Amino acid sequence: MTDRLNLQRSIASAVILTDLAAEQGMSVAQCLDNTGITPGDLDDPAAEILARQELRLVQNVVAALGHVPALGLAAGRRYHLLAHGIWAFAVISSPTVRHAWRVGVELMDIGFSFARWRFDERQSEAVATIDYSAVPVEVRTFLLERDIAETITVDREVFGHTVPPSRVELSCPQPAYTDEYVELLGTMPEFDAPVTRLAFTQDVLDLPLPHANPHAAVIAERQAADIMQRRLARQGIAAKVREILLTRGVTTHQEQVAAELRISVRTLHRRLAEENTSYRELAAETRQLLAEELLRIGTTVEDVAVRLGYADASSFTHAFTRWTGTTPGRFARDRR
């Protein structure tokens, strides 16, 4: 999978964090130390930075201000809807809470989170799962707090009122300021959970949104998807491998790909590792992209399974659900 720290993102989050830190006594120079971000970047609303640059900024802030109680919650409350650009328009113009959550999670790569998000519907509830296992330990709690407060802040602005989760599990220790969590979430969260989860009852998902606009939703989703694909676009040897897989098929063996590139398999492995990926990851990534595109145009689940080299539809369904958090059938229905 793409190294998420090399993805571009809007400067907006860095501006919010720098402003918050400045109010706590940090200088701009301290915030930006060793990030590669300049003060001029902060003044340019159209500027984009790498996720790793923002992560370094977060590390600077936490190193200097980690003693400030609920700093992450304070940060998250500043991430209002319009700070999220086209992602915000895709979410706010959605017809229902369900659609808003699905679109929001699918397009999360153009947002500001460093975690892995999934949205699953179960028999009695829908669950947003947020995994921070790949986030540096020293900033996990701050970023978890930021994401949770940001999510609740955005939800209030999208839905026009608070939609409290029915259950909250947080993968961080219980702090002394638990009351701030309860005030924010409307419920007492379970701390020290294996993974962070926000659960909502099924009846909430069908609630209509006050600013629903089907035409605007389609346009915004397309624009957001275009931005995400541009940021996810592979470069270097990985781009060439993906191109071969797309044209020759995802079942193409790595020996064939290496031969077409006129390099050895060992060199292929080394160069892909230098770009923080692997042949296996690229093949899985390309399978997912092709599967989603085929399902969007109405290809049956059985035909997609055959075209992507799976033994049967069940094997493909299992893989697709692991990638996206939803079944291929539901994915296709949601996009009709």
C-alpha atoms as a PDB file:
ATOM      1  CA  MET A   1       0.000   0.000   0.000  1.00  0.00           C
ATOM      2  CA  THR A   2       1.101   3.544  -0.688  1.00  0.00           C
ATOM      3  CA  ASP A   3       3.335   5.075   1.967  1.00  0.00           C
ATOM      4  CA  ARG A   4       0.778   7.479   3.422  1.00  0.00           C
ATOM      5  CA  LEU A   5       3.432   9.772   4.834  1.00  0.00           C
ATOM      6  CA  ASN A   6       4.432  10.693   1.284  1.00  0.00           C
ATOM      7  CA  LEU A   7       0.907  11.768   0.341  1.00  0.00           C
ATOM      8  CA  GLN A   8       0.244  15.443  -0.197  1.00  0.00           C
ATOM      9  CA  ARG A   9      -2.332  17.269   1.898  1.00  0.00           C
ATOM     10  CA  SER A  10      -3.654  20.781   2.350  1.00  0.00           C
ATOM     11  CA  ILE A  11      -1.678  23.256   4.451  1.00  0.00           C
ATOM     12  CA  ALA A  12      -4.879  24.019   6.408  1.00  0.00           C
ATOM     13  CA  SER A  13      -4.172  21.534   9.194  1.00  0.00           C
ATOM     14  CA  ALA A  14      -0.627  22.831   9.706  1.00  0.00           C
ATOM     15  CA  VAL A  15      -2.050  26.348  10.045  1.00  0.00           C
ATOM     16  CA  ILE A  16      -4.545  25.212  12.690  1.00  0.00           C
ATOM     17  CA  LEU A  17      -1.856  23.422  14.680  1.00  0.00           C
ATOM     18  CA  THR A  18       0.589  26.314  14.465  1.00  0.00           C
ATOM     19  CA  ASP A  19      -2.058  28.791  15.636  1.00  0.00           C
ATOM     20  CA  LEU A  20      -2.966  26.543  18.575  1.00  0.00           C
ATOM     21  CA  ALA A  21       0.682  26.143  19.565  1.00  0.00           C
ATOM     22  CA  ALA A  22       1.292  29.890  19.287  1.00  0.00           C
ATOM     23  CA  GLU A  23      -1.501  30.514  21.790  1.00  0.00           C
ATOM     24  CA  GLN A  24       0.345  28.198  24.175  1.00  0.00           C
ATOM     25  CA  GLY A  25       3.606  30.119  23.794  1.00  0.00           C
ATOM     26  CA  MET A  26       5.410  28.297  20.978  1.00  0.00           C
ATOM     27  CA  SER A  27       6.972  30.325  18.191  1.00  0.00           C
ATOM     28  CA  VAL A  28       6.300  29.592  14.535  1.00  0.00           C
ATOM     29  CA  ALA A  29       9.982  28.724  14.153  1.00  0.00           C
ATOM     30  CA  GLN A  30       9.706  26.095  16.899  1.00  0.00           C
ATOM     31  CA  CYS A  31       6.619  24.589  15.292  1.00  0.00           C
ATOM     32  CA  LEU A  32       8.205  24.393  11.846  1.00  0.00           C
ATOM     33  CA  ASP A  33      11.638  23.204  12.975  1.00  0.00           C
ATOM     34  CA  ASN A  34      12.920  20.438  10.689  1.00  0.00           C
ATOM     35  CA  THR A  35       9.561  20.165   8.874  1.00  0.00           C
ATOM     36  CA  GLY A  36      10.509  21.762   5.574  1.00  0.00           C
ATOM     37  CA  ILE A  37       7.431  23.981   5.897  1.00  0.00           C
ATOM     38  CA  THR A  38       8.059  27.719   5.601  1.00  0.00           C
ATOM     39  CA  PRO A  39       6.113  30.624   7.142  1.00  0.00           C
ATOM     40  CA  GLY A  40       5.218  31.556   3.573  1.00  0.00           C
ATOM     41  CA  ASP A  41       3.551  28.164   3.115  1.00  0.00           C
ATOM     42  CA  LEU A  42       1.317  28.903   6.095  1.00  0.00           C
ATOM     43  CA  ASP A  43       0.194  32.128   4.425  1.00  0.00           C
ATOM     44  CA  ASP A  44      -0.716  30.377   1.148  1.00  0.00           C
ATOM     45  CA  PRO A  45      -4.190  28.741   1.352  1.00  0.00           C
ATOM     46  CA  ALA A  46      -3.459  26.746  -1.816  1.00  0.00           C
ATOM     47  CA  ALA A  47      -0.189  25.286  -0.526  1.00  0.00           C
ATOM     48  CA  GLU A  48       0.199  21.536  -0.135  1.00  0.00           C
ATOM     49  CA  ILE A  49       2.675  19.691   2.062  1.00  0.00           C
ATOM     50  CA  LEU A  50       3.552  16.046   2.638  1.00  0.00           C
ATOM     51  CA  ALA A  51       1.854  14.160   5.446  1.00  0.00           C
ATOM     52  CA  ARG A  52       5.280  13.436   6.943  1.00  0.00           C
ATOM     53  CA  GLN A  53       5.899  17.192   7.188  1.00  0.00           C
ATOM     54  CA  GLU A  54       2.719  17.697   9.179  1.00  0.00           C
ATOM     55  CA  LEU A  55       3.591  14.700  11.342  1.00  0.00           C
ATOM     56  CA  ARG A  56       6.913  16.320  12.174  1.00  0.00           C
ATOM     57  CA  LEU A  57       5.054  19.506  13.103  1.00  0.00           C
ATOM     58  CA  VAL A  58       2.787  17.458  15.384  1.00  0.00           C
ATOM     59  CA  GLN A  59       5.847  15.890  17.005  1.00  0.00           C
ATOM     60  CA  ASN A  60       7.312  19.349  17.626  1.00  0.00           C
ATOM     61  CA  VAL A  61       4.083  20.563  19.213  1.00  0.00           C
ATOM     62  CA  VAL A  62       3.648  17.498  21.418  1.00  0.00           C
ATOM     63  CA  ALA A  63       7.300  17.585  22.512  1.00  0.00           C
ATOM     64  CA  ALA A  64       6.879  21.177  23.687  1.00  0.00           C
ATOM     65  CA  LEU A  65       3.274  21.139  24.886  1.00  0.00           C
ATOM     66  CA  GLY A  66       2.537  17.531  25.750  1.00  0.00           C
ATOM     67  CA  HIS A  67       1.984  18.549  29.371  1.00  0.00           C
ATOM     68  CA  VAL A  68      -1.068  20.655  28.432  1.00  0.00           C
ATOM     69  CA  PRO A  69      -4.215  18.683  29.376  1.00  0.00           C
ATOM     70  CA  ALA A  70      -6.600  17.772  26.525  1.00  0.00           C
ATOM     71  CA  LEU A  71      -4.426  19.498  23.925  1.00  0.00           C
ATOM     72  CA  GLY A  72      -5.580  17.103  21.209  1.00  0.00           C
ATOM     73  CA  LEU A  73      -9.243  17.714  22.011  1.00  0.00           C
ATOM     74  CA  ALA A  74      -8.634  21.458  21.838  1.00  0.00           C
ATOM     75  CA  ALA A  75      -6.984  21.021  18.450  1.00  0.00           C
ATOM     76  CA  GLY A  76      -9.769  18.858  17.050  1.00  0.00           C
ATOM     77  CA  ARG A  77     -12.461  21.378  17.966  1.00  0.00           C
ATOM     78  CA  ARG A  78     -10.780  23.855  15.581  1.00  0.00           C
ATOM     79  CA  TYR A  79     -11.177  21.615  12.521  1.00  0.00           C
ATOM     80  CA  HIS A  80     -14.430  23.039  11.255  1.00  0.00           C
ATOM     81  CA  LEU A  81     -16.128  21.670   8.164  1.00  0.00           C
ATOM     82  CA  LEU A  82     -14.812  24.164   5.626  1.00  0.00           C
ATOM     83  CA  ALA A  83     -11.201  23.490   6.649  1.00  0.00           C
ATOM     84  CA  HIS A  84     -11.595  20.196   4.770  1.00  0.00           C
ATOM     85  CA  GLY A  85     -12.145  21.694   1.324  1.00  0.00           C
ATOM     86  CA  ILE A  86     -13.840  19.539  -1.338  1.00  0.00           C
ATOM     87  CA  TRP A  87     -14.079  16.624   1.119  1.00  0.00           C
ATOM     88  CA  ALA A  88     -16.471  18.761   3.154  1.00  0.00           C
ATOM     89  CA  PHE A  89     -18.723  19.450   0.170  1.00  0.00           C
ATOM     90  CA  ALA A  90     -18.858  15.741  -0.697  1.00  0.00           C
ATOM     91  CA  VAL A  91     -19.941  14.928   2.851  1.00  0.00           C
ATOM     92  CA  ILE A  92     -22.351  17.787   3.526  1.00  0.00           C
ATOM     93  CA  SER A  93     -24.278  17.293   0.264  1.00  0.00           C
ATOM     94  CA  SER A  94     -24.828  13.576   0.968  1.00  0.00           C
ATOM     95  CA  PRO A  95     -28.464  12.429   1.224  1.00  0.00           C
ATOM     96  CA  THR A  96     -28.172  10.507   4.513  1.00  0.00           C
ATOM     97  CA  VAL A  97     -25.925   9.961   7.517  1.00  0.00           C
ATOM     98  CA  ARG A  98     -24.963   6.560   6.082  1.00  0.00           C
ATOM     99  CA  HIS A  99     -23.837   8.038   2.768  1.00  0.00           C
ATOM    100  CA  ALA A 100     -21.961  10.846   4.502  1.00  0.00           C
ATOM    101  CA  TRP A 101     -19.990   8.397   6.641  1.00  0.00           C
ATOM    102  CA  ARG A 102     -19.199   6.090   3.718  1.00  0.00           C
ATOM    103  CA  VAL A 103     -18.033   8.918   1.467  1.00  0.00           C
ATOM    104  CA  GLY A 104     -16.071  10.534   4.278  1.00  0.00           C
ATOM    105  CA  VAL A 105     -14.168   7.345   5.071  1.00  0.00           C
ATOM    106  CA  GLU A 106     -13.588   6.416   1.412  1.00  0.00           C
ATOM    107  CA  LEU A 107     -12.057   9.834   0.753  1.00  0.00           C
ATOM    108  CA  MET A 108     -10.105   9.986   4.022  1.00  0.00           C
ATOM    109  CA  ASP A 109      -6.785  10.079   2.157  1.00  0.00           C
ATOM    110  CA  ILE A 110      -7.447  13.721   1.266  1.00  0.00           C
ATOM    111  CA  GLY A 111      -8.137  14.529   4.918  1.00  0.00           C
ATOM    112  CA  PHE A 112      -5.822  15.131   7.853  1.00  0.00           C
ATOM    113  CA  SER A 113      -5.882  11.882   9.826  1.00  0.00           C
ATOM    114  CA  PHE A 114      -2.815   9.653  10.134  1.00  0.00           C
ATOM    115  CA  ALA A 115      -4.893   6.635  11.156  1.00  0.00           C
ATOM    116  CA  ARG A 116      -6.546   3.886   9.101  1.00  0.00           C
ATOM    117  CA  TRP A 117     -10.333   4.247   8.935  1.00  0.00           C
ATOM    118  CA  ARG A 118     -13.029   1.688   8.179  1.00  0.00           C
ATOM    119  CA  PHE A 119     -16.816   1.927   8.235  1.00  0.00           C
ATOM    120  CA  ASP A 120     -18.763  -1.320   8.705  1.00  0.00           C
ATOM    121  CA  GLU A 121     -22.474  -1.964   9.049  1.00  0.00           C
ATOM    122  CA  ARG A 122     -23.526  -4.742  11.383  1.00  0.00           C
ATOM    123  CA  GLN A 123     -26.921  -6.090  12.342  1.00  0.00           C
ATOM    124  CA  SER A 124     -27.747  -3.527  15.005  1.00  0.00           C
ATOM    125  CA  GLU A 125     -25.154  -0.810  14.525  1.00  0.00           C
ATOM    126  CA  ALA A 126     -22.623   0.837  12.239  1.00  0.00           C
ATOM    127  CA  VAL A 127     -19.042   1.101  13.419  1.00  0.00           C
ATOM    128  CA  ALA A 128     -16.238   3.448  12.411  1.00  0.00           C
ATOM    129  CA  THR A 129     -12.945   1.737  13.283  1.00  0.00           C
ATOM    130  CA  ILE A 130      -9.849   3.924  13.573  1.00  0.00           C
ATOM    131  CA  ASP A 131      -6.469   2.193  13.791  1.00  0.00           C
ATOM    132  CA  TYR A 132      -3.483   4.134  15.165  1.00  0.00           C
ATOM    133  CA  SER A 133      -1.037   1.213  15.278  1.00  0.00           C
ATOM    134  CA  ALA A 134       1.139   2.738  12.531  1.00  0.00           C
ATOM    135  CA  VAL A 135       1.252   6.166  14.220  1.00  0.00           C
ATOM    136  CA  PRO A 136       4.381   7.013  16.267  1.00  0.00           C
ATOM    137  CA  VAL A 137       3.737   6.209  19.931  1.00  0.00           C
ATOM    138  CA  GLU A 138       4.656   9.659  21.228  1.00  0.00           C
ATOM    139  CA  VAL A 139       1.864  11.373  19.271  1.00  0.00           C
ATOM    140  CA  ARG A 140      -0.845   8.681  19.263  1.00  0.00           C
ATOM    141  CA  THR A 141      -2.934  10.114  22.079  1.00  0.00           C
ATOM    142  CA  PHE A 142      -2.738  13.639  20.685  1.00  0.00           C
ATOM    143  CA  LEU A 143      -3.782  12.514  17.195  1.00  0.00           C
ATOM    144  CA  LEU A 144      -6.521  10.260  18.552  1.00  0.00           C
ATOM    145  CA  GLU A 145      -7.940  13.141  20.570  1.00  0.00           C
ATOM    146  CA  ARG A 146      -7.676  15.433  17.573  1.00  0.00           C
ATOM    147  CA  ASP A 147      -9.489  12.979  15.294  1.00  0.00           C
ATOM    148  CA  ILE A 148     -12.286  12.288  17.777  1.00  0.00           C
ATOM    149  CA  ALA A 149     -12.927  15.972  18.512  1.00  0.00           C
ATOM    150  CA  GLU A 150     -12.642  16.807  14.817  1.00  0.00           C
ATOM    151  CA  THR A 151     -15.157  14.075  13.924  1.00  0.00           C
ATOM    152  CA  ILE A 152     -17.724  15.298  16.438  1.00  0.00           C
ATOM    153  CA  THR A 153     -17.185  18.928  15.370  1.00  0.00           C
ATOM    154  CA  VAL A 154     -17.670  18.104  11.691  1.00  0.00           C
ATOM    155  CA  ASP A 155     -20.666  15.856  12.415  1.00  0.00           C
ATOM    156  CA  ARG A 156     -22.444  18.681  14.226  1.00  0.00           C
ATOM    157  CA  GLU A 157     -21.897  21.013  11.288  1.00  0.00           C
ATOM    158  CA  VAL A 158     -22.916  18.409   8.688  1.00  0.00           C
ATOM    159  CA  PHE A 159     -26.000  17.105  10.463  1.00  0.00           C
ATOM    160  CA  GLY A 160     -27.111  20.404  11.978  1.00  0.00           C
ATOM    161  CA  HIS A 161     -27.135  18.853  15.452  1.00  0.00           C
ATOM    162  CA  THR A 162     -25.205  16.387  17.569  1.00  0.00           C
ATOM    163  CA  VAL A 163     -25.511  12.734  16.537  1.00  0.00           C
ATOM    164  CA  PRO A 164     -24.058  11.052  19.634  1.00  0.00           C
ATOM    165  CA  PRO A 165     -22.411   7.666  19.184  1.00  0.00           C
ATOM    166  CA  SER A 166     -24.080   4.787  21.019  1.00  0.00           C
ATOM    167  CA  ARG A 167     -20.725   3.327  22.019  1.00  0.00           C
ATOM    168  CA  VAL A 168     -17.149   4.632  22.054  1.00  0.00           C
ATOM    169  CA  GLU A 169     -13.940   2.635  22.501  1.00  0.00           C
ATOM    170  CA  LEU A 170     -10.624   4.486  22.643  1.00  0.00           C
ATOM    171  CA  SER A 171      -7.159   2.964  22.283  1.00  0.00           C
ATOM    172  CA  CYS A 172      -5.559   5.359  24.773  1.00  0.00           C
ATOM    173  CA  PRO A 173      -5.203   5.463  28.567  1.00  0.00           C
ATOM    174  CA  GLN A 174      -7.923   7.138  30.617  1.00  0.00           C
ATOM    175  CA  PRO A 175      -6.797  10.712  31.366  1.00  0.00           C
ATOM    176  CA  ALA A 176      -7.503  12.922  34.353  1.00  0.00           C
ATOM    177  CA  TYR A 177      -9.802  15.038  32.180  1.00  0.00           C
ATOM    178  CA  THR A 178     -12.288  12.257  31.346  1.00  0.00           C
ATOM    179  CA  ASP A 179     -15.148  14.706  31.866  1.00  0.00           C
ATOM    180  CA  GLU A 180     -14.084  16.549  28.707  1.00  0.00           C
ATOM    181  CA  TYR A 181     -14.517  13.360  26.702  1.00  0.00           C
ATOM    182  CA  VAL A 182     -17.960  12.777  28.200  1.00  0.00           C
ATOM    183  CA  GLU A 183     -18.992  16.348  27.425  1.00  0.00           C
ATOM    184  CA  LEU A 184     -17.761  16.012  23.843  1.00  0.00           C
ATOM    185  CA  LEU A 185     -19.147  12.548  23.103  1.00  0.00           C
ATOM    186  CA  GLY A 186     -22.297  12.528  25.196  1.00  0.00           C
ATOM    187  CA  THR A 187     -21.309   9.158  26.638  1.00  0.00           C
ATOM    188  CA  MET A 188     -18.591   7.607  28.784  1.00  0.00           C
ATOM    189  CA  PRO A 189     -15.986   6.018  26.506  1.00  0.00           C
ATOM    190  CA  GLU A 190     -14.172   2.768  27.200  1.00  0.00           C
ATOM    191  CA  PHE A 191     -10.447   3.530  27.468  1.00  0.00           C
ATOM    192  CA  ASP A 192      -7.469   1.225  26.820  1.00  0.00           C
ATOM    193  CA  ALA A 193      -9.378  -0.567  24.060  1.00  0.00           C
ATOM    194  CA  PRO A 194      -7.403  -2.534  21.426  1.00  0.00           C
ATOM    195  CA  VAL A 195      -8.625  -0.188  18.696  1.00  0.00           C
ATOM    196  CA  THR A 196     -10.658   3.016  18.544  1.00  0.00           C
ATOM    197  CA  ARG A 197     -14.307   2.617  17.530  1.00  0.00           C
ATOM    198  CA  LEU A 198     -17.317   4.909  17.225  1.00  0.00           C
ATOM    199  CA  ALA A 199     -20.601   2.995  17.013  1.00  0.00           C
ATOM    200  CA  PHE A 200     -23.982   4.330  15.896  1.00  0.00           C
ATOM    201  CA  THR A 201     -27.385   2.649  15.962  1.00  0.00           C
ATOM    202  CA  GLN A 202     -28.776   1.617  12.575  1.00  0.00           C
ATOM    203  CA  ASP A 203     -31.755   3.990  12.809  1.00  0.00           C
ATOM    204  CA  VAL A 204     -29.372   6.961  12.822  1.00  0.00           C
ATOM    205  CA  LEU A 205     -27.923   6.007   9.426  1.00  0.00           C
ATOM    206  CA  ASP A 206     -31.115   6.696   7.492  1.00  0.00           C
ATOM    207  CA  LEU A 207     -31.563  10.215   8.848  1.00  0.00           C
ATOM    208  CA  PRO A 208     -31.628  12.790   6.013  1.00  0.00           C
ATOM    209  CA  LEU A 209     -29.069  15.576   5.948  1.00  0.00           C
ATOM    210  CA  PRO A 210     -30.243  19.208   5.936  1.00  0.00           C
ATOM    211  CA  HIS A 211     -28.041  20.231   2.989  1.00  0.00           C
ATOM    212  CA  ALA A 212     -28.535  17.142   0.812  1.00  0.00           C
ATOM    213  CA  ASN A 213     -28.038  17.870  -2.884  1.00  0.00           C
ATOM    214  CA  PRO A 214     -27.673  14.843  -5.203  1.00  0.00           C
ATOM    215  CA  HIS A 215     -26.185  16.845  -8.089  1.00  0.00           C
ATOM    216  CA  ALA A 216     -23.683  18.656  -5.882  1.00  0.00           C
ATOM    217  CA  ALA A 217     -22.817  15.388  -4.132  1.00  0.00           C
ATOM    218  CA  VAL A 218     -21.883  13.671  -7.396  1.00  0.00           C
ATOM    219  CA  ILE A 219     -19.728  16.596  -8.538  1.00  0.00           C
ATOM    220  CA  ALA A 220     -18.005  16.946  -5.163  1.00  0.00           C
ATOM    221  CA  GLU A 221     -17.340  13.207  -4.866  1.00  0.00           C
ATOM    222  CA  ARG A 222     -15.790  13.129  -8.340  1.00  0.00           C
ATOM    223  CA  GLN A 223     -13.592  16.128  -7.631  1.00  0.00           C
ATOM    224  CA  ALA A 224     -12.519  14.702  -4.282  1.00  0.00           C
ATOM    225  CA  ALA A 225     -11.777  11.326  -5.878  1.00  0.00           C
ATOM    226  CA  ASP A 226      -9.706  13.039  -8.579  1.00  0.00           C
ATOM    227  CA  ILE A 227      -7.655  14.843  -5.930  1.00  0.00           C
ATOM    228  CA  MET A 228      -7.184  11.613  -4.008  1.00  0.00           C
ATOM    229  CA  GLN A 229      -6.065   9.695  -7.092  1.00  0.00           C
ATOM    230  CA  ARG A 230      -3.626  12.467  -7.990  1.00  0.00           C
ATOM    231  CA  ARG A 231      -2.116  12.315  -4.520  1.00  0.00           C
ATOM    232  CA  LEU A 232      -2.054   8.521  -4.555  1.00  0.00           C
ATOM    233  CA  ALA A 233      -0.513   8.352  -8.007  1.00  0.00           C
ATOM    234  CA  ARG A 234       2.542   6.171  -8.082  1.00  0.00           C
ATOM    235  CA  GLN A 235       5.859   7.471  -9.289  1.00  0.00           C
ATOM    236  CA  GLY A 236       9.159   5.864 -10.228  1.00  0.00           C
ATOM    237  CA  ILE A 237       9.412   2.099 -10.657  1.00  0.00           C
ATOM    238  CA  ALA A 238       6.125   1.555  -8.780  1.00  0.00           C
ATOM    239  CA  ALA A 239       4.253   3.534 -11.441  1.00  0.00           C
ATOM    240  CA  LYS A 240       5.750   1.359 -14.177  1.00  0.00           C
ATOM    241  CA  VAL A 241       4.828  -1.834 -12.340  1.00  0.00           C
ATOM    242  CA  ARG A 242       1.256  -0.657 -11.829  1.00  0.00           C
ATOM    243  CA  GLU A 243       0.976   0.284 -15.517  1.00  0.00           C
ATOM    244  CA  ILE A 244       2.084  -3.217 -16.523  1.00  0.00           C
ATOM    245  CA  LEU A 245      -0.381  -4.798 -14.100  1.00  0.00           C
ATOM    246  CA  LEU A 246      -3.206  -2.640 -15.426  1.00  0.00           C
ATOM    247  CA  THR A 247      -2.473  -3.449 -19.068  1.00  0.00           C
ATOM    248  CA  ARG A 248      -1.377  -7.095 -18.808  1.00  0.00           C
ATOM    249  CA  GLY A 249      -3.538  -8.121 -15.858  1.00  0.00           C
ATOM    250  CA  VAL A 250      -3.074  -8.332 -12.110  1.00  0.00           C
ATOM    251  CA  THR A 251      -2.207 -12.042 -12.338  1.00  0.00           C
ATOM    252  CA  THR A 252       1.021 -11.197 -14.179  1.00  0.00           C
ATOM    253  CA  HIS A 253       3.990 -12.759 -12.364  1.00  0.00           C
ATOM    254  CA  GLN A 254       6.768 -10.580 -11.006  1.00  0.00           C
ATOM    255  CA  GLU A 255       9.280 -12.418 -13.215  1.00  0.00           C
ATOM    256  CA  GLN A 256       7.356 -11.248 -16.282  1.00  0.00           C
ATOM    257  CA  VAL A 257       7.207  -7.687 -14.980  1.00  0.00           C
ATOM    258  CA  ALA A 258      10.927  -7.649 -14.217  1.00  0.00           C
ATOM    259  CA  ALA A 259      11.691  -8.991 -17.698  1.00  0.00           C
ATOM    260  CA  GLU A 260       9.583  -6.274 -19.316  1.00  0.00           C
ATOM    261  CA  LEU A 261      11.427  -3.648 -17.269  1.00  0.00           C
ATOM    262  CA  ARG A 262      14.745  -5.287 -18.235  1.00  0.00           C
ATOM    263  CA  ILE A 263      15.871  -5.736 -14.664  1.00  0.00           C
ATOM    264  CA  SER A 264      16.270  -8.744 -12.384  1.00  0.00           C
ATOM    265  CA  VAL A 265      13.605  -9.754  -9.876  1.00  0.00           C
ATOM    266  CA  ARG A 266      16.065  -8.948  -7.092  1.00  0.00           C
ATOM    267  CA  THR A 267      16.584  -5.429  -8.464  1.00  0.00           C
ATOM    268  CA  LEU A 268      12.820  -5.013  -8.803  1.00  0.00           C
ATOM    269  CA  HIS A 269      12.376  -5.914  -5.129  1.00  0.00           C
ATOM    270  CA  ARG A 270      15.129  -3.542  -4.049  1.00  0.00           C
ATOM    271  CA  ARG A 271      13.846  -0.575  -6.052  1.00  0.00           C
ATOM    272  CA  LEU A 272      10.283  -1.083  -4.861  1.00  0.00           C
ATOM    273  CA  ALA A 273      11.532  -1.270  -1.265  1.00  0.00           C
ATOM    274  CA  GLU A 274      13.301   2.054  -1.806  1.00  0.00           C
ATOM    275  CA  GLU A 275       9.873   3.493  -2.689  1.00  0.00           C
ATOM    276  CA  ASN A 276       8.331   1.983   0.468  1.00  0.00           C
ATOM    277  CA  THR A 277       6.251  -0.620  -1.331  1.00  0.00           C
ATOM    278  CA  SER A 278       6.456  -4.167  -2.676  1.00  0.00           C
ATOM    279  CA  TYR A 279       5.229  -6.186  -5.642  1.00  0.00           C
ATOM    280  CA  ARG A 280       2.623  -7.857  -3.456  1.00  0.00           C
ATOM    281  CA  GLU A 281       1.297  -4.517  -2.210  1.00  0.00           C
ATOM    282  CA  LEU A 282       1.122  -3.098  -5.734  1.00  0.00           C
ATOM    283  CA  ALA A 283      -0.733  -6.148  -7.010  1.00  0.00           C
ATOM    284  CA  ALA A 284      -3.262  -5.912  -4.162  1.00  0.00           C
ATOM    285  CA  GLU A 285      -3.635  -2.164  -4.646  1.00  0.00           C
ATOM    286  CA  THR A 286      -4.213  -2.596  -8.388  1.00  0.00           C
ATOM    287  CA  ARG A 287      -6.723  -5.395  -7.773  1.00  0.00           C
ATOM    288  CA  GLN A 288      -8.709  -3.109  -5.496  1.00  0.00           C
ATOM    289  CA  LEU A 289      -8.695  -0.236  -7.999  1.00  0.00           C
ATOM    290  CA  LEU A 290      -9.826  -2.519 -10.829  1.00  0.00           C
ATOM    291  CA  ALA A 291     -12.460  -4.189  -8.654  1.00  0.00           C
ATOM    292  CA  GLU A 292     -13.990  -0.858  -7.629  1.00  0.00           C
ATOM    293  CA  GLU A 293     -14.033   0.407 -11.215  1.00  0.00           C
ATOM    294  CA  LEU A 294     -15.602  -2.798 -12.576  1.00  0.00           C
ATOM    295  CA  LEU A 295     -18.278  -2.768  -9.865  1.00  0.00           C
ATOM    296  CA  ARG A 296     -19.038   0.902 -10.571  1.00  0.00           C
ATOM    297  CA  ILE A 297     -19.859   0.114 -14.220  1.00  0.00           C
ATOM    298  CA  GLY A 298     -22.154  -2.780 -13.313  1.00  0.00           C
ATOM    299  CA  THR A 299     -19.929  -5.845 -13.721  1.00  0.00           C
ATOM    300  CA  THR A 300     -21.250  -8.771 -11.664  1.00  0.00           C
ATOM    301  CA  VAL A 301     -19.348  -9.947  -8.604  1.00  0.00           C
ATOM    302  CA  GLU A 302     -18.769 -13.324 -10.267  1.00  0.00           C
ATOM    303  CA  ASP A 303     -17.278 -11.733 -13.402  1.00  0.00           C
ATOM    304  CA  VAL A 304     -15.053  -9.404 -11.375  1.00  0.00           C
ATOM    305  CA  ALA A 305     -13.749 -12.396  -9.415  1.00  0.00           C
ATOM    306  CA  VAL A 306     -12.848 -14.213 -12.643  1.00  0.00           C
ATOM    307  CA  ARG A 307     -11.194 -11.168 -14.226  1.00  0.00           C
ATOM    308  CA  LEU A 308      -9.052 -10.563 -11.144  1.00  0.00           C
ATOM    309  CA  GLY A 309      -7.906 -14.172 -10.865  1.00  0.00           C
ATOM    310  CA  TYR A 310      -9.854 -15.340  -7.813  1.00  0.00           C
ATOM    311  CA  ALA A 311     -10.904 -18.975  -7.488  1.00  0.00           C
ATOM    312  CA  ASP A 312     -14.520 -18.023  -6.840  1.00  0.00           C
ATOM    313  CA  ALA A 313     -16.803 -15.127  -5.917  1.00  0.00           C
ATOM    314  CA  SER A 314     -16.547 -15.987  -2.217  1.00  0.00           C
ATOM    315  CA  SER A 315     -12.760 -15.536  -2.190  1.00  0.00           C
ATOM    316  CA  PHE A 316     -13.083 -12.209  -3.984  1.00  0.00           C
ATOM    317  CA  THR A 317     -15.836 -11.029  -1.617  1.00  0.00           C
ATOM    318  CA  HIS A 318     -13.649 -11.842   1.390  1.00  0.00           C
ATOM    319  CA  ALA A 319     -10.711  -9.887  -0.073  1.00  0.00           C
ATOM    320  CA  PHE A 320     -12.856  -6.908  -1.104  1.00  0.00           C
ATOM    321  CA  THR A 321     -14.441  -6.696   2.348  1.00  0.00           C
ATOM    322  CA  ARG A 322     -10.980  -6.730   3.931  1.00  0.00           C
ATOM    323  CA  TRP A 323      -9.870  -3.840   1.670  1.00  0.00           C
ATOM    324  CA  THR A 324     -12.919  -1.616   1.989  1.00  0.00           C
ATOM    325  CA  GLY A 325     -14.943  -2.691   5.019  1.00  0.00           C
ATOM    326  CA  THR A 326     -17.988  -3.464   2.863  1.00  0.00           C
ATOM    327  CA  THR A 327     -19.074  -6.232   0.504  1.00  0.00           C
ATOM    328  CA  PRO A 328     -18.787  -5.805  -3.290  1.00  0.00           C
ATOM    329  CA  GLY A 329     -22.562  -6.086  -3.594  1.00  0.00           C
ATOM    330  CA  ARG A 330     -23.187  -3.240  -1.163  1.00  0.00           C
ATOM    331  CA  PHE A 331     -20.385  -1.184  -2.734  1.00  0.00           C
ATOM    332  CA  ALA A 332     -22.072  -1.502  -6.135  1.00  0.00           C
ATOM    333  CA  ARG A 333     -25.566  -0.727  -4.794  1.00  0.00           C
ATOM    334  CA  ASP A 334     -24.375   2.377  -2.954  1.00  0.00           C
ATOM    335  CA  ARG A 335     -23.027   3.804  -6.225  1.00  0.00           C
ATOM    336  CA  ARG A 336     -26.057   3.285  -8.419  1.00  0.00           C
END
